Amino acid sequence: MMVALANTDLLALLPVQWTAFSPLQGCLEQITLEETLVAPDISFIRRSELPLTLAAEYFCDLLRREI
């Protein structure tokens, strides 16, 4: 995605942090919109019969705390 954005005239919705990413400095231009875009809901789907890895369990705990 970064390569395509830096080398073409592609438009994309991206996190605002990408404009501050040093390898992309000067390659991306932020377009300010008048309306506010609503973020989609975060969903968590997993198989109940398979245990999560420790890293996945930690990540899920972080998500639950923020929601």
Protein backbone atom coordinates (compact mmCIF):
# COMPACT_ATOMS: atom_id res chain seq x y z
CA MET A 1 0.00 0.00 0.00
CA MET A 2 2.79 2.45 0.90
CA VAL A 3 4.63 1.83 -2.36
CA ALA A 4 1.46 2.27 -4.42
CA LEU A 5 0.55 5.50 -2.63
CA ALA A 6 4.05 6.96 -2.87
CA ASN A 7 4.43 6.25 -6.60
CA THR A 8 0.96 6.83 -8.07
CA ASP A 9 -1.95 9.25 -7.86
CA LEU A 10 -3.98 6.76 -5.82
CA LEU A 11 -6.46 8.06 -3.23
CA ALA A 12 -6.92 6.08 -0.01
CA LEU A 13 -8.35 6.41 3.48
CA LEU A 14 -5.43 5.88 5.84
CA PRO A 15 -4.54 6.48 9.48
CA VAL A 16 -3.34 10.05 10.05
CA GLN A 17 -0.04 8.67 11.39
CA TRP A 18 1.00 7.70 7.86
CA THR A 19 1.54 11.35 6.94
CA ALA A 20 4.17 11.61 9.71
CA PHE A 21 6.00 8.39 8.70
CA SER A 22 9.49 9.58 7.72
CA PRO A 23 10.04 7.39 4.60
CA LEU A 24 6.82 8.85 3.15
CA GLN A 25 7.59 12.50 3.97
CA GLY A 26 6.86 14.57 0.87
CA CYS A 27 5.19 11.65 -0.95
CA LEU A 28 1.73 11.88 0.61
CA GLU A 29 -0.62 14.79 0.80
CA GLN A 30 -3.48 14.96 3.27
CA ILE A 31 -6.85 16.08 1.92
CA THR A 32 -9.02 17.75 4.55
CA LEU A 33 -12.69 16.78 4.44
CA GLU A 34 -15.57 18.92 5.68
CA GLU A 35 -17.56 16.01 7.07
CA THR A 36 -16.42 13.64 9.81
CA LEU A 37 -16.19 9.98 8.82
CA VAL A 38 -17.57 7.52 11.34
CA ALA A 39 -15.25 4.65 12.23
CA PRO A 40 -16.63 1.11 11.90
CA ASP A 41 -17.32 -0.97 14.99
CA ILE A 42 -14.58 -3.30 16.20
CA SER A 43 -15.60 -6.96 16.14
CA PHE A 44 -13.84 -9.89 17.72
CA ILE A 45 -14.42 -13.31 16.17
CA ARG A 46 -12.69 -16.47 17.28
CA ARG A 47 -13.22 -20.20 17.30
CA SER A 48 -14.48 -21.29 20.69
CA GLU A 49 -12.77 -24.70 20.53
CA LEU A 50 -9.28 -23.24 19.86
CA PRO A 51 -7.38 -21.46 22.63
CA LEU A 52 -5.73 -18.12 21.85
CA THR A 53 -1.97 -17.68 21.97
CA LEU A 54 -0.60 -15.56 24.80
CA ALA A 55 -0.03 -12.64 22.43
CA ALA A 56 -3.58 -12.90 21.04
CA GLU A 57 -5.04 -13.11 24.54
CA TYR A 58 -3.10 -10.00 25.59
CA PHE A 59 -4.27 -8.13 22.48
CA CYS A 60 -7.90 -9.11 23.17
CA ASP A 61 -7.55 -7.89 26.75
CA LEU A 62 -6.32 -4.52 25.45
CA LEU A 63 -9.27 -4.28 23.07
CA ARG A 64 -11.76 -5.13 25.81
CA ARG A 65 -10.31 -2.45 28.12
CA GLU A 66 -10.56 0.22 25.42
CA ILE A 67 -14.10 -0.69 24.40
